[in-house]
């Protein structure tokens, strides 16, 4: 039998996933290097793809009004934030199950160095937010021969 050293901080790291399992919410893998930590009520699913000419960010945000979504690029970070508002309860209507998440959301991603953030385009249609970042040919500094002494 091997002895395992108890780490109280590891126990604390597992608390959020245990609470999510308790309340029936799925847990998402952490992307500590690529994504900022933020407090949000829910997080939309995002796909990020690349072609020879551009980057495409697709976010699934059904049930969210276009006016409730904000996209910004600041200090090399692309941030998508908004809010899905909960429907008002109606008299005589009983809910048997509510699984959709409501409230504020925010996702942030680091913009690649070769993306032209000044020409970013966003389109919102049928619950999908598509953000296109064209690649740019940034002029790199000329090659310099360094002599070895």
C-alpha atoms as a PDB file:
ATOM      1  CA  UNK A   1       0.000   0.000   0.000  1.00  0.00           C
ATOM      2  CA  UNK A   2       1.341   3.426  -0.965  1.00  0.00           C
ATOM      3  CA  UNK A   3       0.924   6.409   1.292  1.00  0.00           C
ATOM      4  CA  UNK A   4      -0.587   9.473  -0.381  1.00  0.00           C
ATOM      5  CA  UNK A   5       0.099  12.896   1.046  1.00  0.00           C
ATOM      6  CA  UNK A   6      -3.133  14.814   1.727  1.00  0.00           C
ATOM      7  CA  UNK A   7      -3.324  18.160  -0.030  1.00  0.00           C
ATOM      8  CA  UNK A   8      -6.120  20.388   1.350  1.00  0.00           C
ATOM      9  CA  UNK A   9      -5.859  22.759  -1.621  1.00  0.00           C
ATOM     10  CA  UNK A  10      -6.580  19.941  -4.062  1.00  0.00           C
ATOM     11  CA  UNK A  11      -9.783  19.305  -2.154  1.00  0.00           C
ATOM     12  CA  UNK A  12     -10.747  22.969  -2.599  1.00  0.00           C
ATOM     13  CA  UNK A  13     -10.092  22.775  -6.346  1.00  0.00           C
ATOM     14  CA  UNK A  14     -12.595  19.930  -6.639  1.00  0.00           C
ATOM     15  CA  UNK A  15     -15.435  21.782  -4.863  1.00  0.00           C
ATOM     16  CA  UNK A  16     -16.862  23.516  -7.994  1.00  0.00           C
ATOM     17  CA  UNK A  17     -17.055  20.295  -9.998  1.00  0.00           C
ATOM     18  CA  UNK A  18     -18.674  18.479  -7.063  1.00  0.00           C
ATOM     19  CA  UNK A  19     -21.268  21.250  -6.740  1.00  0.00           C
ATOM     20  CA  UNK A  20     -21.926  21.161 -10.489  1.00  0.00           C
ATOM     21  CA  UNK A  21     -22.496  17.407 -10.343  1.00  0.00           C
ATOM     22  CA  UNK A  22     -24.786  17.866  -7.348  1.00  0.00           C
ATOM     23  CA  UNK A  23     -26.955  20.408  -9.180  1.00  0.00           C
ATOM     24  CA  UNK A  24     -26.816  18.584 -12.509  1.00  0.00           C
ATOM     25  CA  UNK A  25     -24.671  21.079 -14.393  1.00  0.00           C
ATOM     26  CA  UNK A  26     -21.955  19.919 -16.725  1.00  0.00           C
ATOM     27  CA  UNK A  27     -18.389  20.893 -16.005  1.00  0.00           C
ATOM     28  CA  UNK A  28     -16.216  22.477 -18.683  1.00  0.00           C
ATOM     29  CA  UNK A  29     -12.484  21.926 -18.972  1.00  0.00           C
ATOM     30  CA  UNK A  30     -10.365  24.833 -17.813  1.00  0.00           C
ATOM     31  CA  UNK A  31      -8.333  26.751 -20.366  1.00  0.00           C
ATOM     32  CA  UNK A  32      -6.167  28.675 -17.939  1.00  0.00           C
ATOM     33  CA  UNK A  33      -3.689  29.952 -20.536  1.00  0.00           C
ATOM     34  CA  UNK A  34      -6.177  30.932 -23.217  1.00  0.00           C
ATOM     35  CA  UNK A  35      -9.210  32.097 -21.331  1.00  0.00           C
ATOM     36  CA  UNK A  36      -9.644  34.669 -18.589  1.00  0.00           C
ATOM     37  CA  UNK A  37     -11.392  33.609 -15.435  1.00  0.00           C
ATOM     38  CA  UNK A  38     -14.698  35.348 -15.055  1.00  0.00           C
ATOM     39  CA  UNK A  39     -17.807  35.082 -12.963  1.00  0.00           C
ATOM     40  CA  UNK A  40     -20.780  34.244 -15.134  1.00  0.00           C
ATOM     41  CA  UNK A  41     -24.137  32.560 -14.741  1.00  0.00           C
ATOM     42  CA  UNK A  42     -23.538  30.363 -17.793  1.00  0.00           C
ATOM     43  CA  UNK A  43     -21.140  30.022 -20.712  1.00  0.00           C
ATOM     44  CA  UNK A  44     -22.113  29.567 -24.350  1.00  0.00           C
ATOM     45  CA  UNK A  45     -20.334  26.883 -26.376  1.00  0.00           C
ATOM     46  CA  UNK A  46     -17.703  28.265 -28.743  1.00  0.00           C
ATOM     47  CA  UNK A  47     -15.878  26.834 -31.767  1.00  0.00           C
ATOM     48  CA  UNK A  48     -12.701  28.534 -33.010  1.00  0.00           C
ATOM     49  CA  UNK A  49     -11.339  27.651 -36.441  1.00  0.00           C
ATOM     50  CA  UNK A  50      -8.640  28.950 -38.756  1.00  0.00           C
ATOM     51  CA  UNK A  51      -8.209  29.181 -42.514  1.00  0.00           C
ATOM     52  CA  UNK A  52      -5.292  30.521 -44.536  1.00  0.00           C
ATOM     53  CA  UNK A  53      -6.838  34.021 -44.487  1.00  0.00           C
ATOM     54  CA  UNK A  54      -8.808  34.340 -41.251  1.00  0.00           C
ATOM     55  CA  UNK A  55      -9.907  33.104 -37.843  1.00  0.00           C
ATOM     56  CA  UNK A  56     -13.585  32.303 -37.169  1.00  0.00           C
ATOM     57  CA  UNK A  57     -15.172  32.281 -33.724  1.00  0.00           C
ATOM     58  CA  UNK A  58     -18.664  30.715 -33.575  1.00  0.00           C
ATOM     59  CA  UNK A  59     -20.640  31.097 -30.361  1.00  0.00           C
ATOM     60  CA  UNK A  60     -23.961  29.356 -29.704  1.00  0.00           C
ATOM     61  CA  UNK A  61     -26.249  31.782 -27.898  1.00  0.00           C
ATOM     62  CA  UNK A  62     -29.851  30.806 -28.674  1.00  0.00           C
ATOM     63  CA  UNK A  63     -32.589  32.728 -26.944  1.00  0.00           C
ATOM     64  CA  UNK A  64     -30.430  35.827 -26.583  1.00  0.00           C
ATOM     65  CA  UNK A  65     -31.480  39.079 -28.212  1.00  0.00           C
ATOM     66  CA  UNK A  66     -28.918  40.674 -30.530  1.00  0.00           C
ATOM     67  CA  UNK A  67     -29.106  43.890 -28.475  1.00  0.00           C
ATOM     68  CA  UNK A  68     -28.089  41.954 -25.343  1.00  0.00           C
ATOM     69  CA  UNK A  69     -24.745  40.830 -26.839  1.00  0.00           C
ATOM     70  CA  UNK A  70     -21.530  42.859 -26.822  1.00  0.00           C
ATOM     71  CA  UNK A  71     -18.299  41.950 -28.653  1.00  0.00           C
ATOM     72  CA  UNK A  72     -15.056  43.840 -28.011  1.00  0.00           C
ATOM     73  CA  UNK A  73     -11.338  43.444 -28.535  1.00  0.00           C
ATOM     74  CA  UNK A  74      -9.089  45.141 -26.018  1.00  0.00           C
ATOM     75  CA  UNK A  75      -5.430  44.569 -25.156  1.00  0.00           C
ATOM     76  CA  UNK A  76      -5.271  41.447 -27.328  1.00  0.00           C
ATOM     77  CA  UNK A  77      -8.360  39.823 -25.803  1.00  0.00           C
ATOM     78  CA  UNK A  78     -11.606  39.102 -27.654  1.00  0.00           C
ATOM     79  CA  UNK A  79     -14.520  39.297 -25.211  1.00  0.00           C
ATOM     80  CA  UNK A  80     -18.085  38.194 -25.867  1.00  0.00           C
ATOM     81  CA  UNK A  81     -20.574  39.108 -23.193  1.00  0.00           C
ATOM     82  CA  UNK A  82     -24.294  39.348 -22.847  1.00  0.00           C
ATOM     83  CA  UNK A  83     -27.370  38.161 -21.032  1.00  0.00           C
ATOM     84  CA  UNK A  84     -30.106  35.603 -21.594  1.00  0.00           C
ATOM     85  CA  UNK A  85     -33.195  36.876 -19.817  1.00  0.00           C
ATOM     86  CA  UNK A  86     -35.500  34.446 -18.075  1.00  0.00           C
ATOM     87  CA  UNK A  87     -39.082  34.296 -19.266  1.00  0.00           C
ATOM     88  CA  UNK A  88     -41.644  35.832 -16.952  1.00  0.00           C
ATOM     89  CA  UNK A  89     -43.821  33.391 -15.042  1.00  0.00           C
ATOM     90  CA  UNK A  90     -47.393  33.334 -16.197  1.00  0.00           C
ATOM     91  CA  UNK A  91     -50.390  32.708 -13.966  1.00  0.00           C
ATOM     92  CA  UNK A  92     -51.728  29.189 -14.331  1.00  0.00           C
ATOM     93  CA  UNK A  93     -48.483  27.909 -15.843  1.00  0.00           C
ATOM     94  CA  UNK A  94     -46.544  25.255 -13.940  1.00  0.00           C
ATOM     95  CA  UNK A  95     -42.963  24.416 -14.777  1.00  0.00           C
ATOM     96  CA  UNK A  96     -42.013  20.768 -14.412  1.00  0.00           C
ATOM     97  CA  UNK A  97     -38.382  21.210 -15.427  1.00  0.00           C
ATOM     98  CA  UNK A  98     -36.124  24.153 -16.232  1.00  0.00           C
ATOM     99  CA  UNK A  99     -32.802  23.115 -17.748  1.00  0.00           C
ATOM    100  CA  UNK A 100     -31.848  26.150 -19.794  1.00  0.00           C
ATOM    101  CA  UNK A 101     -29.433  28.545 -18.148  1.00  0.00           C
ATOM    102  CA  UNK A 102     -30.255  32.219 -17.764  1.00  0.00           C
ATOM    103  CA  UNK A 103     -28.370  35.299 -16.739  1.00  0.00           C
ATOM    104  CA  UNK A 104     -25.120  36.950 -17.726  1.00  0.00           C
ATOM    105  CA  UNK A 105     -22.311  35.298 -19.655  1.00  0.00           C
ATOM    106  CA  UNK A 106     -18.811  36.284 -20.656  1.00  0.00           C
ATOM    107  CA  UNK A 107     -16.146  34.474 -22.688  1.00  0.00           C
ATOM    108  CA  UNK A 108     -12.677  35.851 -23.404  1.00  0.00           C
ATOM    109  CA  UNK A 109     -10.022  34.561 -25.767  1.00  0.00           C
ATOM    110  CA  UNK A 110      -6.533  35.730 -26.630  1.00  0.00           C
ATOM    111  CA  UNK A 111      -6.341  37.118 -30.184  1.00  0.00           C
ATOM    112  CA  UNK A 112      -3.468  35.645 -32.245  1.00  0.00           C
ATOM    113  CA  UNK A 113      -0.649  38.023 -33.145  1.00  0.00           C
ATOM    114  CA  UNK A 114      -1.359  37.779 -36.871  1.00  0.00           C
ATOM    115  CA  UNK A 115      -5.068  38.691 -36.543  1.00  0.00           C
ATOM    116  CA  UNK A 116      -6.199  42.123 -37.722  1.00  0.00           C
ATOM    117  CA  UNK A 117      -8.409  43.088 -34.777  1.00  0.00           C
ATOM    118  CA  UNK A 118      -9.194  46.512 -36.256  1.00  0.00           C
ATOM    119  CA  UNK A 119     -11.141  44.870 -39.105  1.00  0.00           C
ATOM    120  CA  UNK A 120     -13.088  42.316 -37.041  1.00  0.00           C
ATOM    121  CA  UNK A 121     -16.598  41.509 -38.246  1.00  0.00           C
ATOM    122  CA  UNK A 122     -19.450  40.028 -36.214  1.00  0.00           C
ATOM    123  CA  UNK A 123     -22.710  38.575 -37.502  1.00  0.00           C
ATOM    124  CA  UNK A 124     -25.608  37.360 -35.343  1.00  0.00           C
ATOM    125  CA  UNK A 125     -28.185  35.087 -36.951  1.00  0.00           C
ATOM    126  CA  UNK A 126     -30.432  32.279 -35.681  1.00  0.00           C
ATOM    127  CA  UNK A 127     -28.778  32.148 -32.260  1.00  0.00           C
ATOM    128  CA  UNK A 128     -25.250  31.928 -33.678  1.00  0.00           C
ATOM    129  CA  UNK A 129     -22.685  34.684 -33.287  1.00  0.00           C
ATOM    130  CA  UNK A 130     -19.956  34.494 -35.957  1.00  0.00           C
ATOM    131  CA  UNK A 131     -16.873  36.670 -35.478  1.00  0.00           C
ATOM    132  CA  UNK A 132     -14.327  36.852 -38.298  1.00  0.00           C
ATOM    133  CA  UNK A 133     -10.793  38.101 -37.732  1.00  0.00           C
ATOM    134  CA  UNK A 134      -8.801  38.428 -40.945  1.00  0.00           C
ATOM    135  CA  UNK A 135      -5.132  37.610 -40.856  1.00  0.00           C
ATOM    136  CA  UNK A 136      -2.719  40.407 -41.611  1.00  0.00           C
ATOM    137  CA  UNK A 137       0.779  40.438 -42.998  1.00  0.00           C
ATOM    138  CA  UNK A 138       2.379  42.438 -40.211  1.00  0.00           C
ATOM    139  CA  UNK A 139       5.746  43.691 -41.203  1.00  0.00           C
ATOM    140  CA  UNK A 140       8.346  41.956 -39.133  1.00  0.00           C
ATOM    141  CA  UNK A 141      11.618  43.664 -38.375  1.00  0.00           C
ATOM    142  CA  UNK A 142      14.231  43.005 -41.013  1.00  0.00           C
ATOM    143  CA  UNK A 143      16.611  40.160 -40.392  1.00  0.00           C
ATOM    144  CA  UNK A 144      19.735  41.268 -38.631  1.00  0.00           C
ATOM    145  CA  UNK A 145      22.995  39.372 -38.678  1.00  0.00           C
ATOM    146  CA  UNK A 146      24.407  39.243 -35.173  1.00  0.00           C
ATOM    147  CA  UNK A 147      28.099  38.782 -34.974  1.00  0.00           C
ATOM    148  CA  UNK A 148      29.447  36.407 -32.390  1.00  0.00           C
ATOM    149  CA  UNK A 149      32.410  37.763 -30.497  1.00  0.00           C
END
